[in-house]
Amino acid sequence: MMVVWRLFFVIGLPAAAQSWTPVTSGTTVNLRGVSGKGQTVWVSGDKGTVRKTTDGGMTWRDVAPRGVADVDFRDIEVIDDRTVFLMSSGEGPESRIYKTTDGGATWALLTTNLDPKGFWDCMGFWDSTHGIIVGDPPAGGDGRFTILTTSDGATWQMLKGPSANKEEGAFAASGTCVFTRGTREAWFGTGGTGGGRVFHSDDSGKSWSVAKTPLRHDSANAGIFSLAFSGALQGIAVGGDYMKPDESTGNIAITADGGKNWTAPDGTPPSGYRSAVWCRDSSHCVATGTSGSDFSSDGGQNWKKFGGEGYNTIGAFAVGTNGRIATLTLPAPR
């Protein structure tokens, strides 16, 4: 993902605590995607929902493509005020990529998943023309993850993805199972009984290395759901079992060497299953999920719950179930 476009709407107040401020979204659908900058933020979700605010969340308007009422938009990536990529998830042709270059007035369908058993999970961008899509290994296929990339922001090419273990896949819960950095680096996390691993590429998805993590992957519902890096070396992976949202066992891992090695932190983990993580800097991070949100001020070693139930992902705002949208206040940087 283009980190510059997926920062929180952070209010630099002198208060010592962090807090959520809900805003009225005008929808009750389950929201999964969020991206933006400053006062302009876009959100996406099921039933073909795409909404946009240009006044920091005070008012929202529908900017969805036409004829997509049955499409589930799991990820959205804002490039600039007029250029936005939109990804849907689902079996076969239900996975699609749309693009607008006029602020949502019109949309172009760029590509559709032609594999009837394929499923796209998340996307990320290095810049306005270079991006990547990660999808599950199609059932009955060659046992490799689906990797698509673009070098012109329009056409997408299928690359030979890395080999998957049996019963290993990615999760589309928050559109953040892949993290992009710099001009070519990408990481994505996996789940399922064969998962709990992080794949890393330093050549725009052409080749991959893989590392095990201590995150739980004891069922089809468990594994890594989200990744965030605050630099070239320091990263965090969060997840757990989404069917056991209050369990805090095996829901986080950290790395200090760019993802070569992952360990469970020594301190207090997040207080439940977490579907998304975001870091403002190397110290201050937030993880969120359906059972609540947690804040860390020491790079992911220790976490403290501070409410925020029902949020699926975090980016420019936090978004979640029943049309939930909120802004976040964090302690001012020191």
C-alpha atoms as a PDB file:
ATOM      1  CA  MET A   1       0.000   0.000   0.000  1.00  0.00           C
ATOM      2  CA  MET A   2       1.093   3.567  -0.558  1.00  0.00           C
ATOM      3  CA  VAL A   3       1.777   4.540   3.031  1.00  0.00           C
ATOM      4  CA  VAL A   4       1.545   8.248   2.342  1.00  0.00           C
ATOM      5  CA  TRP A   5      -2.112   7.808   1.418  1.00  0.00           C
ATOM      6  CA  ARG A   6      -3.120   5.474   4.229  1.00  0.00           C
ATOM      7  CA  LEU A   7      -2.281   7.445   7.342  1.00  0.00           C
ATOM      8  CA  PHE A   8      -4.711   8.045  10.157  1.00  0.00           C
ATOM      9  CA  PHE A   9      -6.532  11.310  10.487  1.00  0.00           C
ATOM     10  CA  VAL A  10      -4.515  12.075  13.630  1.00  0.00           C
ATOM     11  CA  ILE A  11      -5.326  15.053  15.801  1.00  0.00           C
ATOM     12  CA  GLY A  12      -2.235  16.228  17.643  1.00  0.00           C
ATOM     13  CA  LEU A  13      -3.680  17.005  21.074  1.00  0.00           C
ATOM     14  CA  PRO A  14      -1.726  17.160  24.323  1.00  0.00           C
ATOM     15  CA  ALA A  15      -3.948  14.491  25.879  1.00  0.00           C
ATOM     16  CA  ALA A  16      -2.154  11.396  27.101  1.00  0.00           C
ATOM     17  CA  ALA A  17      -4.787   8.907  25.964  1.00  0.00           C
ATOM     18  CA  GLN A  18      -6.065   7.717  22.623  1.00  0.00           C
ATOM     19  CA  SER A  19      -9.735   7.730  21.674  1.00  0.00           C
ATOM     20  CA  TRP A  20     -12.236   7.150  18.879  1.00  0.00           C
ATOM     21  CA  THR A  21     -14.680   9.723  17.517  1.00  0.00           C
ATOM     22  CA  PRO A  22     -17.508   8.096  15.525  1.00  0.00           C
ATOM     23  CA  VAL A  23     -18.846   9.855  12.434  1.00  0.00           C
ATOM     24  CA  THR A  24     -22.125   9.268  10.594  1.00  0.00           C
ATOM     25  CA  SER A  25     -21.537   7.298   7.394  1.00  0.00           C
ATOM     26  CA  GLY A  26     -25.029   7.194   5.925  1.00  0.00           C
ATOM     27  CA  THR A  27     -24.842   3.419   5.420  1.00  0.00           C
ATOM     28  CA  THR A  28     -25.317   0.243   7.473  1.00  0.00           C
ATOM     29  CA  VAL A  29     -23.280  -2.159   5.329  1.00  0.00           C
ATOM     30  CA  ASN A  30     -20.132  -3.931   6.459  1.00  0.00           C
ATOM     31  CA  LEU A  31     -17.197  -1.697   5.508  1.00  0.00           C
ATOM     32  CA  ARG A  32     -13.775  -3.260   4.762  1.00  0.00           C
ATOM     33  CA  GLY A  33     -11.723  -0.710   2.835  1.00  0.00           C
ATOM     34  CA  VAL A  34     -10.537   2.799   3.655  1.00  0.00           C
ATOM     35  CA  SER A  35      -7.981   5.145   2.119  1.00  0.00           C
ATOM     36  CA  GLY A  36      -7.399   8.854   1.787  1.00  0.00           C
ATOM     37  CA  LYS A  37      -5.551  11.922   2.925  1.00  0.00           C
ATOM     38  CA  GLY A  38      -6.541  14.913   5.013  1.00  0.00           C
ATOM     39  CA  GLN A  39     -10.214  15.809   4.648  1.00  0.00           C
ATOM     40  CA  THR A  40     -10.811  13.524   1.639  1.00  0.00           C
ATOM     41  CA  VAL A  41     -11.382   9.858   2.509  1.00  0.00           C
ATOM     42  CA  TRP A  42     -12.913   6.936   0.609  1.00  0.00           C
ATOM     43  CA  VAL A  43     -14.481   3.798   2.126  1.00  0.00           C
ATOM     44  CA  SER A  44     -15.753   0.573   0.567  1.00  0.00           C
ATOM     45  CA  GLY A  45     -17.703  -2.505   1.585  1.00  0.00           C
ATOM     46  CA  ASP A  46     -20.331  -5.040   0.679  1.00  0.00           C
ATOM     47  CA  LYS A  47     -23.398  -4.526  -1.529  1.00  0.00           C
ATOM     48  CA  GLY A  48     -21.220  -2.568  -3.950  1.00  0.00           C
ATOM     49  CA  THR A  49     -20.693   0.265  -1.485  1.00  0.00           C
ATOM     50  CA  VAL A  50     -18.196   3.069  -2.156  1.00  0.00           C
ATOM     51  CA  ARG A  51     -18.537   6.357  -0.271  1.00  0.00           C
ATOM     52  CA  LYS A  52     -16.455   9.512  -0.196  1.00  0.00           C
ATOM     53  CA  THR A  53     -16.083  12.491   2.116  1.00  0.00           C
ATOM     54  CA  THR A  54     -14.291  15.741   1.326  1.00  0.00           C
ATOM     55  CA  ASP A  55     -14.935  17.414   4.688  1.00  0.00           C
ATOM     56  CA  GLY A  56     -13.329  15.035   7.153  1.00  0.00           C
ATOM     57  CA  GLY A  57     -16.359  12.771   7.576  1.00  0.00           C
ATOM     58  CA  MET A  58     -19.095  15.343   8.189  1.00  0.00           C
ATOM     59  CA  THR A  59     -20.894  14.381   4.968  1.00  0.00           C
ATOM     60  CA  TRP A  60     -20.596  11.390   2.641  1.00  0.00           C
ATOM     61  CA  ARG A  61     -21.762  10.693  -0.891  1.00  0.00           C
ATOM     62  CA  ASP A  62     -22.159   7.572  -2.979  1.00  0.00           C
ATOM     63  CA  VAL A  63     -19.463   7.244  -5.667  1.00  0.00           C
ATOM     64  CA  ALA A  64     -19.793   3.527  -6.483  1.00  0.00           C
ATOM     65  CA  PRO A  65     -19.507   2.100  -9.985  1.00  0.00           C
ATOM     66  CA  ARG A  66     -22.817   1.299 -11.638  1.00  0.00           C
ATOM     67  CA  GLY A  67     -24.290  -2.192 -11.610  1.00  0.00           C
ATOM     68  CA  VAL A  68     -22.275  -3.563  -8.669  1.00  0.00           C
ATOM     69  CA  ALA A  69     -24.966  -4.088  -6.014  1.00  0.00           C
ATOM     70  CA  ASP A  70     -23.853  -7.691  -5.396  1.00  0.00           C
ATOM     71  CA  VAL A  71     -20.108  -6.971  -5.330  1.00  0.00           C
ATOM     72  CA  ASP A  72     -18.071  -6.947  -2.104  1.00  0.00           C
ATOM     73  CA  PHE A  73     -15.388  -4.247  -2.226  1.00  0.00           C
ATOM     74  CA  ARG A  74     -12.709  -5.360   0.267  1.00  0.00           C
ATOM     75  CA  ASP A  75      -9.924  -2.912  -0.606  1.00  0.00           C
ATOM     76  CA  ILE A  76      -9.597   0.640  -1.876  1.00  0.00           C
ATOM     77  CA  GLU A  77      -6.374   2.566  -2.600  1.00  0.00           C
ATOM     78  CA  VAL A  78      -6.346   6.333  -3.121  1.00  0.00           C
ATOM     79  CA  ILE A  79      -3.530   7.640  -5.324  1.00  0.00           C
ATOM     80  CA  ASP A  80      -4.606  11.287  -5.474  1.00  0.00           C
ATOM     81  CA  ASP A  81      -7.809  13.352  -5.369  1.00  0.00           C
ATOM     82  CA  ARG A  82      -8.960  11.957  -8.702  1.00  0.00           C
ATOM     83  CA  THR A  83      -7.270   8.552  -9.027  1.00  0.00           C
ATOM     84  CA  VAL A  84      -8.472   5.572  -6.989  1.00  0.00           C
ATOM     85  CA  PHE A  85      -8.212   1.778  -7.357  1.00  0.00           C
ATOM     86  CA  LEU A  86     -11.013  -0.452  -6.066  1.00  0.00           C
ATOM     87  CA  MET A  87     -10.833  -4.228  -5.530  1.00  0.00           C
ATOM     88  CA  SER A  88     -13.655  -6.671  -4.947  1.00  0.00           C
ATOM     89  CA  SER A  89     -13.296 -10.161  -3.495  1.00  0.00           C
ATOM     90  CA  GLY A  90     -15.235 -13.297  -4.322  1.00  0.00           C
ATOM     91  CA  GLU A  91     -15.023 -16.486  -6.288  1.00  0.00           C
ATOM     92  CA  GLY A  92     -13.982 -16.189  -9.911  1.00  0.00           C
ATOM     93  CA  PRO A  93     -15.360 -13.101 -11.687  1.00  0.00           C
ATOM     94  CA  GLU A  94     -16.589 -11.627  -8.410  1.00  0.00           C
ATOM     95  CA  SER A  95     -12.944 -10.594  -7.883  1.00  0.00           C
ATOM     96  CA  ARG A  96     -12.352  -7.447  -9.935  1.00  0.00           C
ATOM     97  CA  ILE A  97     -10.291  -4.259 -10.153  1.00  0.00           C
ATOM     98  CA  TYR A  98     -11.871  -0.902 -10.973  1.00  0.00           C
ATOM     99  CA  LYS A  99     -10.200   2.483 -11.438  1.00  0.00           C
ATOM    100  CA  THR A 100     -11.440   6.060 -11.495  1.00  0.00           C
ATOM    101  CA  THR A 101      -9.450   9.040 -12.764  1.00  0.00           C
ATOM    102  CA  ASP A 102     -12.173  11.643 -12.202  1.00  0.00           C
ATOM    103  CA  GLY A 103     -12.819  11.385  -8.479  1.00  0.00           C
ATOM    104  CA  GLY A 104     -15.477   8.672  -8.730  1.00  0.00           C
ATOM    105  CA  ALA A 105     -17.699  10.202 -11.424  1.00  0.00           C
ATOM    106  CA  THR A 106     -16.901   7.268 -13.717  1.00  0.00           C
ATOM    107  CA  TRP A 107     -15.130   3.946 -13.261  1.00  0.00           C
ATOM    108  CA  ALA A 108     -13.296   1.607 -15.629  1.00  0.00           C
ATOM    109  CA  LEU A 109     -13.238  -2.149 -15.052  1.00  0.00           C
ATOM    110  CA  LEU A 110      -9.544  -2.999 -15.494  1.00  0.00           C
ATOM    111  CA  THR A 111      -9.524  -6.760 -15.031  1.00  0.00           C
ATOM    112  CA  THR A 112     -11.619  -9.669 -13.756  1.00  0.00           C
ATOM    113  CA  ASN A 113     -10.496 -12.939 -12.209  1.00  0.00           C
ATOM    114  CA  LEU A 114     -10.949 -15.506 -14.957  1.00  0.00           C
ATOM    115  CA  ASP A 115     -10.246 -18.523 -12.735  1.00  0.00           C
ATOM    116  CA  PRO A 116     -13.674 -19.713 -11.486  1.00  0.00           C
ATOM    117  CA  LYS A 117     -12.051 -21.072  -8.305  1.00  0.00           C
ATOM    118  CA  GLY A 118      -9.772 -18.093  -7.672  1.00  0.00           C
ATOM    119  CA  PHE A 119     -10.231 -15.486  -4.929  1.00  0.00           C
ATOM    120  CA  TRP A 120      -8.431 -12.145  -4.539  1.00  0.00           C
ATOM    121  CA  ASP A 121      -7.644 -10.951  -1.007  1.00  0.00           C
ATOM    122  CA  CYS A 122      -5.812  -7.617  -1.018  1.00  0.00           C
ATOM    123  CA  MET A 123      -3.827  -5.132  -3.081  1.00  0.00           C
ATOM    124  CA  GLY A 124      -1.074  -2.585  -2.559  1.00  0.00           C
ATOM    125  CA  PHE A 125       0.696   0.107  -4.576  1.00  0.00           C
ATOM    126  CA  TRP A 126       4.250   1.404  -4.715  1.00  0.00           C
ATOM    127  CA  ASP A 127       3.241   4.452  -6.749  1.00  0.00           C
ATOM    128  CA  SER A 128       0.508   5.571  -9.121  1.00  0.00           C
ATOM    129  CA  THR A 129       1.343   2.990 -11.802  1.00  0.00           C
ATOM    130  CA  HIS A 130       2.963   0.082  -9.949  1.00  0.00           C
ATOM    131  CA  GLY A 131       0.832  -2.217  -7.811  1.00  0.00           C
ATOM    132  CA  ILE A 132       0.248  -5.801  -6.707  1.00  0.00           C
ATOM    133  CA  ILE A 133      -2.712  -8.102  -6.005  1.00  0.00           C
ATOM    134  CA  VAL A 134      -2.495 -11.182  -3.771  1.00  0.00           C
ATOM    135  CA  GLY A 135      -5.002 -14.017  -4.101  1.00  0.00           C
ATOM    136  CA  ASP A 136      -5.544 -17.491  -2.711  1.00  0.00           C
ATOM    137  CA  PRO A 137      -4.183 -20.576  -4.486  1.00  0.00           C
ATOM    138  CA  PRO A 138      -7.106 -21.683  -6.677  1.00  0.00           C
ATOM    139  CA  ALA A 139      -8.531 -25.068  -5.717  1.00  0.00           C
ATOM    140  CA  GLY A 140      -7.306 -27.743  -8.079  1.00  0.00           C
ATOM    141  CA  GLY A 141      -4.586 -25.445  -9.437  1.00  0.00           C
ATOM    142  CA  ASP A 142      -0.817 -25.602  -9.199  1.00  0.00           C
ATOM    143  CA  GLY A 143      -0.719 -24.901  -5.447  1.00  0.00           C
ATOM    144  CA  ARG A 144       0.669 -21.382  -5.827  1.00  0.00           C
ATOM    145  CA  PHE A 145      -0.598 -18.053  -4.571  1.00  0.00           C
ATOM    146  CA  THR A 146      -2.116 -15.774  -7.176  1.00  0.00           C
ATOM    147  CA  ILE A 147       0.087 -12.738  -7.836  1.00  0.00           C
ATOM    148  CA  LEU A 148      -0.839 -10.008 -10.310  1.00  0.00           C
ATOM    149  CA  THR A 149       1.108  -6.799 -10.883  1.00  0.00           C
ATOM    150  CA  THR A 150       0.741  -3.657 -12.951  1.00  0.00           C
ATOM    151  CA  SER A 151       3.455  -1.343 -14.267  1.00  0.00           C
ATOM    152  CA  ASP A 152       1.186   1.157 -15.992  1.00  0.00           C
ATOM    153  CA  GLY A 153      -1.755   1.414 -13.604  1.00  0.00           C
ATOM    154  CA  ALA A 154      -4.081  -0.133 -16.182  1.00  0.00           C
ATOM    155  CA  THR A 155      -3.061  -3.597 -17.382  1.00  0.00           C
ATOM    156  CA  TRP A 156      -2.363  -6.451 -14.961  1.00  0.00           C
ATOM    157  CA  GLN A 157      -0.049  -9.410 -15.546  1.00  0.00           C
ATOM    158  CA  MET A 158      -0.137 -12.779 -13.802  1.00  0.00           C
ATOM    159  CA  LEU A 159       3.205 -13.723 -12.229  1.00  0.00           C
ATOM    160  CA  LYS A 160       4.292 -17.120 -10.997  1.00  0.00           C
ATOM    161  CA  GLY A 161       3.313 -16.932  -7.349  1.00  0.00           C
ATOM    162  CA  PRO A 162       5.109 -18.634  -4.461  1.00  0.00           C
ATOM    163  CA  SER A 163       4.167 -22.180  -3.497  1.00  0.00           C
ATOM    164  CA  ALA A 164       1.531 -22.573  -0.794  1.00  0.00           C
ATOM    165  CA  ASN A 165       1.278 -25.278   1.820  1.00  0.00           C
ATOM    166  CA  LYS A 166      -1.787 -27.468   1.890  1.00  0.00           C
ATOM    167  CA  GLU A 167      -4.704 -25.589   3.499  1.00  0.00           C
ATOM    168  CA  GLU A 168      -2.894 -22.233   3.301  1.00  0.00           C
ATOM    169  CA  GLY A 169      -4.419 -19.014   2.022  1.00  0.00           C
ATOM    170  CA  ALA A 170      -4.707 -15.300   2.699  1.00  0.00           C
ATOM    171  CA  PHE A 171      -7.503 -13.290   4.332  1.00  0.00           C
ATOM    172  CA  ALA A 172      -9.571 -10.507   2.774  1.00  0.00           C
ATOM    173  CA  ALA A 173     -11.022  -9.246   6.061  1.00  0.00           C
ATOM    174  CA  SER A 174      -9.415  -5.814   5.906  1.00  0.00           C
ATOM    175  CA  GLY A 175      -7.618  -5.413   2.588  1.00  0.00           C
ATOM    176  CA  THR A 176      -4.325  -5.255   4.509  1.00  0.00           C
ATOM    177  CA  CYS A 177      -2.905  -8.762   4.121  1.00  0.00           C
ATOM    178  CA  VAL A 178      -0.231  -7.232   1.838  1.00  0.00           C
ATOM    179  CA  PHE A 179       2.076  -4.326   2.677  1.00  0.00           C
ATOM    180  CA  THR A 180       4.175  -2.492   0.092  1.00  0.00           C
ATOM    181  CA  ARG A 181       7.172  -0.295   0.793  1.00  0.00           C
ATOM    182  CA  GLY A 182       9.654   1.716  -1.266  1.00  0.00           C
ATOM    183  CA  THR A 183       9.647   0.960  -4.970  1.00  0.00           C
ATOM    184  CA  ARG A 184       9.699  -2.857  -5.029  1.00  0.00           C
ATOM    185  CA  GLU A 185       9.277  -4.429  -1.572  1.00  0.00           C
ATOM    186  CA  ALA A 186       6.161  -6.337  -0.536  1.00  0.00           C
ATOM    187  CA  TRP A 187       5.136  -8.647   2.290  1.00  0.00           C
ATOM    188  CA  PHE A 188       1.961 -10.717   2.645  1.00  0.00           C
ATOM    189  CA  GLY A 189       0.694 -12.934   5.448  1.00  0.00           C
ATOM    190  CA  THR A 190      -1.202 -16.220   5.365  1.00  0.00           C
ATOM    191  CA  GLY A 191      -3.613 -18.294   7.421  1.00  0.00           C
ATOM    192  CA  GLY A 192      -5.290 -21.667   7.547  1.00  0.00           C
ATOM    193  CA  THR A 193      -3.786 -24.788   9.072  1.00  0.00           C
ATOM    194  CA  GLY A 194      -0.888 -24.622   6.624  1.00  0.00           C
ATOM    195  CA  GLY A 195      -0.355 -20.892   7.099  1.00  0.00           C
ATOM    196  CA  GLY A 196       0.854 -18.454   9.717  1.00  0.00           C
ATOM    197  CA  ARG A 197       3.687 -17.458   7.372  1.00  0.00           C
ATOM    198  CA  VAL A 198       4.964 -14.189   5.883  1.00  0.00           C
ATOM    199  CA  PHE A 199       6.170 -13.985   2.281  1.00  0.00           C
ATOM    200  CA  HIS A 200       8.589 -11.236   1.230  1.00  0.00           C
ATOM    201  CA  SER A 201       9.590  -9.939  -2.206  1.00  0.00           C
ATOM    202  CA  ASP A 202      12.197  -7.304  -3.014  1.00  0.00           C
ATOM    203  CA  ASP A 203      11.613  -7.355  -6.768  1.00  0.00           C
ATOM    204  CA  SER A 204       7.947  -6.377  -7.175  1.00  0.00           C
ATOM    205  CA  GLY A 205       6.572  -9.885  -6.734  1.00  0.00           C
ATOM    206  CA  LYS A 206       8.794 -11.765  -9.164  1.00  0.00           C
ATOM    207  CA  SER A 207      10.420 -13.881  -6.446  1.00  0.00           C
ATOM    208  CA  TRP A 208       9.594 -14.574  -2.804  1.00  0.00           C
ATOM    209  CA  SER A 209      11.177 -15.764   0.419  1.00  0.00           C
ATOM    210  CA  VAL A 210       9.055 -17.077   3.303  1.00  0.00           C
ATOM    211  CA  ALA A 211       9.291 -17.134   7.092  1.00  0.00           C
ATOM    212  CA  LYS A 212       7.267 -18.853   9.798  1.00  0.00           C
ATOM    213  CA  THR A 213       5.623 -16.838  12.561  1.00  0.00           C
ATOM    214  CA  PRO A 214       4.219 -17.773  16.001  1.00  0.00           C
ATOM    215  CA  LEU A 215       0.709 -16.610  15.078  1.00  0.00           C
ATOM    216  CA  ARG A 216      -1.944 -19.255  15.578  1.00  0.00           C
ATOM    217  CA  HIS A 217      -3.076 -21.103  12.472  1.00  0.00           C
ATOM    218  CA  ASP A 218      -4.907 -23.993  14.063  1.00  0.00           C
ATOM    219  CA  SER A 219      -8.033 -23.715  11.916  1.00  0.00           C
ATOM    220  CA  ALA A 220      -9.239 -22.386   8.589  1.00  0.00           C
ATOM    221  CA  ASN A 221     -10.323 -19.242  10.450  1.00  0.00           C
ATOM    222  CA  ALA A 222      -6.939 -18.428  11.997  1.00  0.00           C
ATOM    223  CA  GLY A 223      -3.694 -16.876  10.874  1.00  0.00           C
ATOM    224  CA  ILE A 224      -2.214 -13.547   9.825  1.00  0.00           C
ATOM    225  CA  PHE A 225      -4.749 -10.935   8.739  1.00  0.00           C
ATOM    226  CA  SER A 226      -2.676  -7.754   8.503  1.00  0.00           C
ATOM    227  CA  LEU A 227       0.888  -6.452   8.263  1.00  0.00           C
ATOM    228  CA  ALA A 228       2.498  -3.067   8.903  1.00  0.00           C
ATOM    229  CA  PHE A 229       6.104  -1.922   8.624  1.00  0.00           C
ATOM    230  CA  SER A 230       7.385   1.322  10.106  1.00  0.00           C
ATOM    231  CA  GLY A 231      10.696   1.026   8.258  1.00  0.00           C
ATOM    232  CA  ALA A 232      12.810  -1.378   6.284  1.00  0.00           C
ATOM    233  CA  LEU A 233      13.334  -3.704   9.255  1.00  0.00           C
ATOM    234  CA  GLN A 234      10.651  -3.207  11.898  1.00  0.00           C
ATOM    235  CA  GLY A 235       7.275  -4.839  11.257  1.00  0.00           C
ATOM    236  CA  ILE A 236       4.175  -6.205  12.969  1.00  0.00           C
ATOM    237  CA  ALA A 237       1.789  -9.000  11.970  1.00  0.00           C
ATOM    238  CA  VAL A 238      -1.617  -9.378  13.657  1.00  0.00           C
ATOM    239  CA  GLY A 239      -4.453 -11.866  13.405  1.00  0.00           C
ATOM    240  CA  GLY A 240      -5.813 -14.721  15.468  1.00  0.00           C
ATOM    241  CA  ASP A 241      -9.043 -16.648  14.966  1.00  0.00           C
ATOM    242  CA  TYR A 242     -11.936 -14.537  13.728  1.00  0.00           C
ATOM    243  CA  MET A 243     -14.423 -17.091  15.061  1.00  0.00           C
ATOM    244  CA  LYS A 244     -12.937 -16.573  18.544  1.00  0.00           C
ATOM    245  CA  PRO A 245     -12.695 -12.768  18.600  1.00  0.00           C
ATOM    246  CA  ASP A 246     -11.962 -12.430  22.343  1.00  0.00           C
ATOM    247  CA  GLU A 247      -9.027 -14.833  22.451  1.00  0.00           C
ATOM    248  CA  SER A 248      -5.622 -13.157  22.618  1.00  0.00           C
ATOM    249  CA  THR A 249      -3.503 -16.269  22.136  1.00  0.00           C
ATOM    250  CA  GLY A 250      -1.210 -16.205  19.122  1.00  0.00           C
ATOM    251  CA  ASN A 251      -2.532 -12.978  17.631  1.00  0.00           C
ATOM    252  CA  ILE A 252       0.693 -11.003  17.111  1.00  0.00           C
ATOM    253  CA  ALA A 253       4.301 -11.306  15.947  1.00  0.00           C
ATOM    254  CA  ILE A 254       7.040  -8.746  15.413  1.00  0.00           C
ATOM    255  CA  THR A 255      10.196  -8.620  13.302  1.00  0.00           C
ATOM    256  CA  ALA A 256      13.337  -6.496  13.564  1.00  0.00           C
ATOM    257  CA  ASP A 257      15.084  -7.786  10.442  1.00  0.00           C
ATOM    258  CA  GLY A 258      12.657  -7.059   7.622  1.00  0.00           C
ATOM    259  CA  GLY A 259      10.648 -10.252   8.036  1.00  0.00           C
ATOM    260  CA  LYS A 260      13.387 -12.850   8.012  1.00  0.00           C
ATOM    261  CA  ASN A 261      12.492 -13.812  11.586  1.00  0.00           C
ATOM    262  CA  TRP A 262       9.288 -13.293  13.559  1.00  0.00           C
ATOM    263  CA  THR A 263       8.768 -13.643  17.322  1.00  0.00           C
ATOM    264  CA  ALA A 264       5.960 -13.141  19.814  1.00  0.00           C
ATOM    265  CA  PRO A 265       6.528  -9.941  21.826  1.00  0.00           C
ATOM    266  CA  ASP A 266       7.566 -10.302  25.462  1.00  0.00           C
ATOM    267  CA  GLY A 267       4.821  -8.030  26.789  1.00  0.00           C
ATOM    268  CA  THR A 268       1.015  -7.919  26.752  1.00  0.00           C
ATOM    269  CA  PRO A 269      -0.560  -8.903  23.397  1.00  0.00           C
ATOM    270  CA  PRO A 270      -3.649  -7.290  21.851  1.00  0.00           C
ATOM    271  CA  SER A 271      -6.795  -8.295  23.702  1.00  0.00           C
ATOM    272  CA  GLY A 272      -8.381 -10.359  20.951  1.00  0.00           C
ATOM    273  CA  TYR A 273      -8.483 -11.266  17.268  1.00  0.00           C
ATOM    274  CA  ARG A 274      -7.246  -8.304  15.230  1.00  0.00           C
ATOM    275  CA  SER A 275      -7.885  -7.882  11.511  1.00  0.00           C
ATOM    276  CA  ALA A 276      -5.775  -4.756  10.895  1.00  0.00           C
ATOM    277  CA  VAL A 277      -2.691  -3.003  12.237  1.00  0.00           C
ATOM    278  CA  TRP A 278      -1.277   0.454  11.498  1.00  0.00           C
ATOM    279  CA  CYS A 279       1.801   2.265  12.836  1.00  0.00           C
ATOM    280  CA  ARG A 280       2.261   6.029  12.944  1.00  0.00           C
ATOM    281  CA  ASP A 281       5.976   5.582  13.603  1.00  0.00           C
ATOM    282  CA  SER A 282       8.329   2.968  15.036  1.00  0.00           C
ATOM    283  CA  SER A 283       6.749   3.246  18.497  1.00  0.00           C
ATOM    284  CA  HIS A 284       3.033   4.080  18.177  1.00  0.00           C
ATOM    285  CA  CYS A 285       0.750   1.443  16.628  1.00  0.00           C
ATOM    286  CA  VAL A 286      -2.937   0.543  16.686  1.00  0.00           C
ATOM    287  CA  ALA A 287      -4.532  -2.856  16.062  1.00  0.00           C
ATOM    288  CA  THR A 288      -8.259  -3.244  15.580  1.00  0.00           C
ATOM    289  CA  GLY A 289     -10.840  -5.990  15.163  1.00  0.00           C
ATOM    290  CA  THR A 290     -14.462  -6.826  15.791  1.00  0.00           C
ATOM    291  CA  SER A 291     -13.954  -7.223  19.573  1.00  0.00           C
ATOM    292  CA  GLY A 292     -12.035  -3.986  20.117  1.00  0.00           C
ATOM    293  CA  SER A 293      -8.906  -1.956  19.500  1.00  0.00           C
ATOM    294  CA  ASP A 294      -5.491  -1.845  21.172  1.00  0.00           C
ATOM    295  CA  PHE A 295      -2.723   0.749  21.330  1.00  0.00           C
ATOM    296  CA  SER A 296       1.029   0.209  21.653  1.00  0.00           C
ATOM    297  CA  SER A 297       3.561   2.924  22.460  1.00  0.00           C
ATOM    298  CA  ASP A 298       6.624   0.658  22.389  1.00  0.00           C
ATOM    299  CA  GLY A 299       6.673  -0.753  18.875  1.00  0.00           C
ATOM    300  CA  GLY A 300       4.276  -3.628  19.510  1.00  0.00           C
ATOM    301  CA  GLN A 301       5.787  -5.127  22.664  1.00  0.00           C
ATOM    302  CA  ASN A 302       2.851  -4.165  24.903  1.00  0.00           C
ATOM    303  CA  TRP A 303      -0.758  -3.401  24.012  1.00  0.00           C
ATOM    304  CA  LYS A 304      -3.652  -1.815  25.893  1.00  0.00           C
ATOM    305  CA  LYS A 305      -7.297  -2.039  24.872  1.00  0.00           C
ATOM    306  CA  PHE A 306      -9.193   1.225  24.432  1.00  0.00           C
ATOM    307  CA  GLY A 307     -12.606   0.279  23.063  1.00  0.00           C
ATOM    308  CA  GLY A 308     -13.388   0.631  19.366  1.00  0.00           C
ATOM    309  CA  GLU A 309     -15.422  -2.547  18.889  1.00  0.00           C
ATOM    310  CA  GLY A 310     -16.593  -3.522  15.430  1.00  0.00           C
ATOM    311  CA  TYR A 311     -13.829  -2.038  13.278  1.00  0.00           C
ATOM    312  CA  ASN A 312     -12.444  -4.185  10.454  1.00  0.00           C
ATOM    313  CA  THR A 313      -9.613  -1.984   9.244  1.00  0.00           C
ATOM    314  CA  ILE A 314      -7.750   1.224   9.821  1.00  0.00           C
ATOM    315  CA  GLY A 315      -6.313   3.713   7.369  1.00  0.00           C
ATOM    316  CA  ALA A 316      -7.385   7.305   6.878  1.00  0.00           C
ATOM    317  CA  PHE A 317     -10.226   6.462   9.304  1.00  0.00           C
ATOM    318  CA  ALA A 318     -11.331   3.220  10.961  1.00  0.00           C
ATOM    319  CA  VAL A 319     -14.262   1.405   9.328  1.00  0.00           C
ATOM    320  CA  GLY A 320     -16.266  -1.666  10.248  1.00  0.00           C
ATOM    321  CA  THR A 321     -19.573  -3.400  10.777  1.00  0.00           C
ATOM    322  CA  ASN A 322     -22.957  -1.708  10.325  1.00  0.00           C
ATOM    323  CA  GLY A 323     -21.407   1.239   8.522  1.00  0.00           C
ATOM    324  CA  ARG A 324     -19.129   2.173  11.413  1.00  0.00           C
ATOM    325  CA  ILE A 325     -16.609   4.933  10.699  1.00  0.00           C
ATOM    326  CA  ALA A 326     -14.476   6.771  13.222  1.00  0.00           C
ATOM    327  CA  THR A 327     -11.516   9.103  13.450  1.00  0.00           C
ATOM    328  CA  LEU A 328      -8.709   8.451  15.894  1.00  0.00           C
ATOM    329  CA  THR A 329      -7.014  10.775  18.328  1.00  0.00           C
ATOM    330  CA  LEU A 330      -3.509   9.778  19.410  1.00  0.00           C
ATOM    331  CA  PRO A 331      -1.118  11.457  21.794  1.00  0.00           C
ATOM    332  CA  ALA A 332       0.909  14.129  20.017  1.00  0.00           C
ATOM    333  CA  PRO A 333       4.335  12.982  18.802  1.00  0.00           C
ATOM    334  CA  ARG A 334       7.167  13.967  21.059  1.00  0.00           C
END
